[in-house]
Amino acid sequence: MTKDEFIRHLAEAIEVDPGELTDDTDLTQFEGWDSTAVLNLVVLLDEQGVKVDEERIPECKTVRDVVALTGGVLE
C-alpha cells in the first residue's frame, strides 16, 4: 500500500476529504477521529499485512504519527 492510498483510507475512516489531510494535520480536530476510526484503521492495516500496536493509535495526534506506526512499510 502506498502512503497516498493509506491517506485515502484514513480520510474515509474519519469522513473527510483526502485533500484535507497532510502530514501535519491535527486529527483531533475531526469528529470522525474516534474509536470506530481506530478500529477501521487496525482492520485496514491488518488486511494489508501491516501490524501496528492498536493501543498506540488513539495517542496519535497527526497523520504523520499514524503513518509512523506502520514502521515505514508504506511505499
N, C-alpha and C. Protein backbone atom coordinates (compact mmCIF):
# COMPACT_ATOMS: atom_id res chain seq x y z
N MET A 1 0.84 -1.17 0.00
CA MET A 1 0.00 0.00 0.00
C MET A 1 0.89 1.24 0.00
N THR A 2 0.51 2.19 -0.79
CA THR A 2 1.26 3.44 -0.82
C THR A 2 0.76 4.37 0.29
N LYS A 3 1.55 5.37 0.58
CA LYS A 3 1.14 6.35 1.59
C LYS A 3 -0.13 7.08 1.13
N ASP A 4 -0.22 7.40 -0.16
CA ASP A 4 -1.41 8.08 -0.68
C ASP A 4 -2.66 7.22 -0.52
N GLU A 5 -2.53 5.92 -0.79
CA GLU A 5 -3.66 5.01 -0.60
C GLU A 5 -4.06 4.96 0.87
N PHE A 6 -3.07 4.90 1.73
CA PHE A 6 -3.35 4.87 3.16
C PHE A 6 -4.09 6.14 3.59
N ILE A 7 -3.64 7.29 3.09
CA ILE A 7 -4.28 8.55 3.46
C ILE A 7 -5.72 8.59 2.95
N ARG A 8 -5.96 8.04 1.77
CA ARG A 8 -7.35 7.98 1.27
C ARG A 8 -8.21 7.13 2.21
N HIS A 9 -7.68 6.00 2.66
CA HIS A 9 -8.42 5.15 3.59
C HIS A 9 -8.62 5.84 4.94
N LEU A 10 -7.60 6.53 5.40
CA LEU A 10 -7.71 7.27 6.65
C LEU A 10 -8.79 8.34 6.53
N ALA A 11 -8.80 9.06 5.42
CA ALA A 11 -9.81 10.09 5.19
C ALA A 11 -11.21 9.49 5.19
N GLU A 12 -11.34 8.34 4.56
CA GLU A 12 -12.64 7.67 4.54
C GLU A 12 -13.05 7.27 5.96
N ALA A 13 -12.11 6.78 6.74
CA ALA A 13 -12.41 6.34 8.11
C ALA A 13 -12.88 7.48 8.99
N ILE A 14 -12.33 8.68 8.78
CA ILE A 14 -12.72 9.82 9.61
C ILE A 14 -13.68 10.75 8.90
N GLU A 15 -14.12 10.32 7.71
CA GLU A 15 -15.16 11.01 6.95
C GLU A 15 -14.79 12.45 6.59
N VAL A 16 -13.59 12.58 5.99
CA VAL A 16 -13.16 13.88 5.47
C VAL A 16 -12.62 13.67 4.06
N ASP A 17 -12.44 14.77 3.35
CA ASP A 17 -11.85 14.72 2.02
C ASP A 17 -10.35 14.46 2.17
N PRO A 18 -9.79 13.55 1.37
CA PRO A 18 -8.35 13.28 1.47
C PRO A 18 -7.49 14.53 1.30
N GLY A 19 -7.98 15.50 0.55
CA GLY A 19 -7.24 16.74 0.34
C GLY A 19 -7.05 17.55 1.62
N GLU A 20 -7.85 17.26 2.63
CA GLU A 20 -7.73 17.96 3.91
C GLU A 20 -6.59 17.43 4.77
N LEU A 21 -6.02 16.29 4.38
CA LEU A 21 -5.02 15.64 5.21
C LEU A 21 -3.61 15.84 4.67
N THR A 22 -2.76 16.38 5.50
CA THR A 22 -1.32 16.48 5.23
C THR A 22 -0.62 15.80 6.40
N ASP A 23 0.68 15.66 6.31
CA ASP A 23 1.43 15.02 7.40
C ASP A 23 1.19 15.71 8.74
N ASP A 24 1.00 17.02 8.72
CA ASP A 24 0.87 17.78 9.96
C ASP A 24 -0.57 18.04 10.39
N THR A 25 -1.54 17.48 9.67
CA THR A 25 -2.93 17.69 10.03
C THR A 25 -3.21 17.12 11.41
N ASP A 26 -3.84 17.94 12.25
CA ASP A 26 -4.22 17.53 13.60
C ASP A 26 -5.51 16.72 13.51
N LEU A 27 -5.40 15.42 13.72
CA LEU A 27 -6.56 14.53 13.58
C LEU A 27 -7.61 14.79 14.65
N THR A 28 -7.21 15.32 15.79
CA THR A 28 -8.17 15.53 16.87
C THR A 28 -9.20 16.61 16.54
N GLN A 29 -8.98 17.36 15.47
CA GLN A 29 -9.95 18.39 15.08
C GLN A 29 -11.17 17.79 14.38
N PHE A 30 -11.09 16.51 13.99
CA PHE A 30 -12.18 15.87 13.27
C PHE A 30 -13.03 15.02 14.20
N GLU A 31 -14.34 15.22 14.13
CA GLU A 31 -15.26 14.42 14.94
C GLU A 31 -15.13 12.94 14.63
N GLY A 32 -14.76 12.63 13.40
CA GLY A 32 -14.67 11.24 12.98
C GLY A 32 -13.45 10.50 13.52
N TRP A 33 -12.52 11.22 14.16
CA TRP A 33 -11.34 10.56 14.74
C TRP A 33 -11.75 10.03 16.11
N ASP A 34 -12.33 8.82 16.07
CA ASP A 34 -12.86 8.21 17.28
C ASP A 34 -12.52 6.72 17.31
N SER A 35 -13.10 6.01 18.24
CA SER A 35 -12.78 4.58 18.39
C SER A 35 -13.16 3.77 17.17
N THR A 36 -14.21 4.16 16.47
CA THR A 36 -14.61 3.46 15.25
C THR A 36 -13.55 3.65 14.17
N ALA A 37 -13.04 4.86 14.04
CA ALA A 37 -11.98 5.13 13.05
C ALA A 37 -10.73 4.33 13.39
N VAL A 38 -10.40 4.25 14.66
CA VAL A 38 -9.23 3.48 15.09
C VAL A 38 -9.41 2.01 14.71
N LEU A 39 -10.57 1.47 14.99
CA LEU A 39 -10.85 0.07 14.65
C LEU A 39 -10.76 -0.14 13.14
N ASN A 40 -11.33 0.76 12.37
CA ASN A 40 -11.27 0.65 10.91
C ASN A 40 -9.82 0.67 10.42
N LEU A 41 -9.00 1.51 11.01
CA LEU A 41 -7.58 1.57 10.62
C LEU A 41 -6.85 0.28 10.96
N VAL A 42 -7.13 -0.26 12.13
CA VAL A 42 -6.49 -1.52 12.53
C VAL A 42 -6.85 -2.62 11.55
N VAL A 43 -8.13 -2.71 11.18
CA VAL A 43 -8.58 -3.73 10.23
C VAL A 43 -7.92 -3.51 8.88
N LEU A 44 -7.92 -2.28 8.39
CA LEU A 44 -7.31 -1.97 7.10
C LEU A 44 -5.84 -2.38 7.08
N LEU A 45 -5.12 -1.98 8.09
CA LEU A 45 -3.69 -2.29 8.14
C LEU A 45 -3.46 -3.79 8.25
N ASP A 46 -4.27 -4.46 9.04
CA ASP A 46 -4.15 -5.91 9.18
C ASP A 46 -4.39 -6.60 7.85
N GLU A 47 -5.39 -6.14 7.11
CA GLU A 47 -5.68 -6.72 5.78
C GLU A 47 -4.50 -6.53 4.83
N GLN A 48 -3.72 -5.50 5.05
CA GLN A 48 -2.56 -5.23 4.20
C GLN A 48 -1.30 -5.90 4.75
N GLY A 49 -1.45 -6.64 5.84
CA GLY A 49 -0.31 -7.33 6.43
C GLY A 49 0.58 -6.44 7.27
N VAL A 50 0.05 -5.27 7.65
CA VAL A 50 0.81 -4.33 8.47
C VAL A 50 0.34 -4.46 9.91
N LYS A 51 1.24 -4.84 10.77
CA LYS A 51 0.90 -4.98 12.19
C LYS A 51 1.30 -3.71 12.93
N VAL A 52 0.34 -3.17 13.67
CA VAL A 52 0.62 -1.99 14.49
C VAL A 52 0.11 -2.25 15.90
N ASP A 53 0.64 -1.51 16.84
CA ASP A 53 0.17 -1.58 18.21
C ASP A 53 -1.09 -0.71 18.28
N GLU A 54 -2.25 -1.37 18.19
CA GLU A 54 -3.50 -0.61 18.11
C GLU A 54 -3.74 0.26 19.34
N GLU A 55 -3.13 -0.06 20.45
CA GLU A 55 -3.29 0.77 21.64
C GLU A 55 -2.61 2.13 21.48
N ARG A 56 -1.69 2.23 20.55
CA ARG A 56 -0.98 3.50 20.32
C ARG A 56 -1.72 4.41 19.35
N ILE A 57 -2.64 3.87 18.55
CA ILE A 57 -3.32 4.70 17.56
C ILE A 57 -4.08 5.86 18.20
N PRO A 58 -4.84 5.64 19.29
CA PRO A 58 -5.55 6.79 19.88
C PRO A 58 -4.61 7.90 20.37
N GLU A 59 -3.35 7.56 20.62
CA GLU A 59 -2.37 8.56 21.06
C GLU A 59 -1.91 9.45 19.90
N CYS A 60 -2.15 9.02 18.69
CA CYS A 60 -1.71 9.76 17.51
C CYS A 60 -2.48 11.06 17.38
N LYS A 61 -1.76 12.12 17.16
CA LYS A 61 -2.38 13.44 17.01
C LYS A 61 -2.37 13.92 15.56
N THR A 62 -1.40 13.45 14.77
CA THR A 62 -1.30 13.91 13.39
C THR A 62 -1.25 12.72 12.43
N VAL A 63 -1.43 13.01 11.16
CA VAL A 63 -1.30 11.98 10.12
C VAL A 63 0.09 11.38 10.19
N ARG A 64 1.10 12.21 10.39
CA ARG A 64 2.48 11.72 10.49
C ARG A 64 2.61 10.69 11.62
N ASP A 65 1.96 10.93 12.75
CA ASP A 65 2.00 9.99 13.87
C ASP A 65 1.44 8.63 13.47
N VAL A 66 0.32 8.64 12.75
CA VAL A 66 -0.31 7.39 12.34
C VAL A 66 0.58 6.66 11.33
N VAL A 67 1.10 7.39 10.37
CA VAL A 67 1.97 6.79 9.36
C VAL A 67 3.21 6.18 10.03
N ALA A 68 3.74 6.85 11.04
CA ALA A 68 4.93 6.35 11.74
C ALA A 68 4.67 4.99 12.39
N LEU A 69 3.44 4.74 12.81
CA LEU A 69 3.11 3.46 13.43
C LEU A 69 3.26 2.29 12.47
N THR A 70 3.22 2.57 11.18
CA THR A 70 3.31 1.48 10.20
C THR A 70 4.73 0.99 10.04
N GLY A 71 5.67 1.62 10.69
CA GLY A 71 7.05 1.17 10.65
C GLY A 71 7.72 1.32 9.30
N GLY A 72 7.27 2.27 8.50
CA GLY A 72 7.90 2.53 7.22
C GLY A 72 7.55 1.55 6.12
N VAL A 73 6.48 0.77 6.30
CA VAL A 73 6.13 -0.21 5.26
C VAL A 73 5.31 0.38 4.12
N LEU A 74 4.84 1.61 4.28
CA LEU A 74 4.08 2.23 3.20
C LEU A 74 5.05 2.68 2.12
N GLU A 75 4.66 2.46 0.87
CA GLU A 75 5.53 2.83 -0.26
C GLU A 75 5.44 4.31 -0.56
